[in-house]
Protein backbone atom coordinates (compact mmCIF):
# COMPACT_ATOMS: atom_id res chain seq x y z
CA MET A 1 -0.02 -0.39 0.30
CA LEU A 2 1.25 3.57 -1.17
CA CYS A 3 1.56 6.35 2.12
CA PRO A 4 -1.03 8.84 1.65
CA LYS A 5 0.82 11.52 2.55
CA CYS A 6 4.11 10.74 0.09
CA HIS A 7 3.40 7.71 -1.63
CA GLY A 8 6.29 6.14 -0.76
CA ARG A 9 5.73 2.06 0.70
CA THR A 10 4.08 1.25 3.62
CA TRP A 11 4.44 -1.59 6.21
CA ILE A 12 2.00 -3.08 8.36
CA ALA A 13 3.33 -1.67 12.27
CA ASP A 14 -0.01 -3.06 13.99
CA SER A 15 -3.07 -5.89 12.79
CA ARG A 16 -5.96 -6.77 15.06
CA PRO A 17 -9.31 -8.11 14.12
CA VAL A 18 -12.29 -5.75 14.31
CA ARG A 19 -15.58 -8.25 15.59
CA LYS A 20 -18.10 -5.44 15.21
CA SER A 21 -17.80 -5.20 11.14
CA ASN A 22 -15.70 -8.53 11.23
CA SER A 23 -12.42 -6.34 8.92
CA THR A 24 -9.26 -6.05 10.62
CA MET A 25 -7.76 -2.51 11.21
CA ARG A 26 -4.18 -2.33 10.97
CA ARG A 27 -1.90 0.63 12.05
CA ARG A 28 0.56 1.18 8.51
CA ARG A 29 3.86 3.12 8.88
CA CYS A 30 5.97 4.74 5.73
CA LYS A 31 8.89 3.75 5.02
CA GLY A 32 10.28 6.78 3.60
CA CYS A 33 8.70 9.88 5.83
CA MET A 34 7.41 7.81 8.93
CA TYR A 35 3.86 9.39 8.50
CA ARG A 36 1.13 6.49 9.81
CA PHE A 37 -2.77 5.96 9.04
CA THR A 38 -4.68 3.07 9.80
CA THR A 39 -6.61 1.26 7.44
CA TYR A 40 -10.03 -1.19 7.61
CA GLU A 41 -10.00 -3.99 5.56
CA ARG A 42 -13.64 -6.08 5.08
CA VAL A 43 -13.30 -9.07 3.58
CA SER A 44 -15.95 -9.06 -0.06
CA VAL A 45 -17.33 -12.95 -0.42
CA GLY A 46 -18.10 -13.38 -4.68
CA VAL A 47 -17.52 -15.14 -7.26
CA SER A 48 -14.72 -13.54 -9.78
CA HIS A 49 -13.09 -14.61 -13.28
CA GLY A 50 -11.05 -12.73 -14.65
CA ASN A 51 -11.23 -8.35 -14.20
CA CYS A 52 -15.46 -9.30 -13.27
CA THR A 53 -17.37 -10.19 -10.81
CA TYR A 54 -20.27 -13.23 -10.40
CA GLN A 55 -22.55 -9.95 -11.27
CA GLY A 56 -20.56 -8.46 -13.91
CA ALA A 57 -20.29 -12.08 -14.92
CA ALA A 58 -23.97 -12.25 -14.81
CA SER A 59 -24.93 -9.47 -16.98
CA HIS A 60 -22.26 -10.73 -20.06
CA VAL A 61 -24.20 -13.61 -20.07
CA ARG A 62 -27.68 -12.80 -20.16
CA ARG A 63 -26.16 -9.97 -23.25
CA ALA A 64 -24.57 -13.37 -24.84
CA LEU A 65 -27.94 -15.62 -24.56
CA THR A 66 -29.91 -12.39 -25.74
CA SER A 67 -27.43 -12.37 -29.12
CA LEU A 68 -27.81 -16.54 -29.55
CA GLU A 69 -31.20 -16.59 -29.47
CA SER A 70 -31.11 -13.30 -31.50
CA LEU A 71 -29.60 -14.75 -33.88
CA ALA A 72 -31.13 -18.40 -33.76
CA ARG A 73 -34.04 -16.73 -34.71
CA GLU A 74 -32.32 -14.85 -37.99
CA ALA A 75 -31.27 -18.32 -38.82
CA GLY A 76 -34.29 -19.64 -38.32
CA GLU A 77 -35.75 -16.85 -41.02
CA MET A 78 -33.75 -17.29 -43.47
CA GLU A 79 -34.22 -21.23 -43.85
CA SER A 80 -37.94 -20.43 -44.49
């Protein structure tokens, strides 16, 4: 993670779970300017494929099926 002050590299000085929000609090320190800051990290559960989430993949699949149905209708009209 980059320092919000000088954009240098940081390291984790302290880490502890936060039970109420099911997340992790991390105290970080910049290697360059020694600036200290806190981040909260939460686990996100989802299915991903490449750069898209499950929800994004589902919309791609719906569009592909719609396109295939359209092509099938056009092919049926050509055969008639």
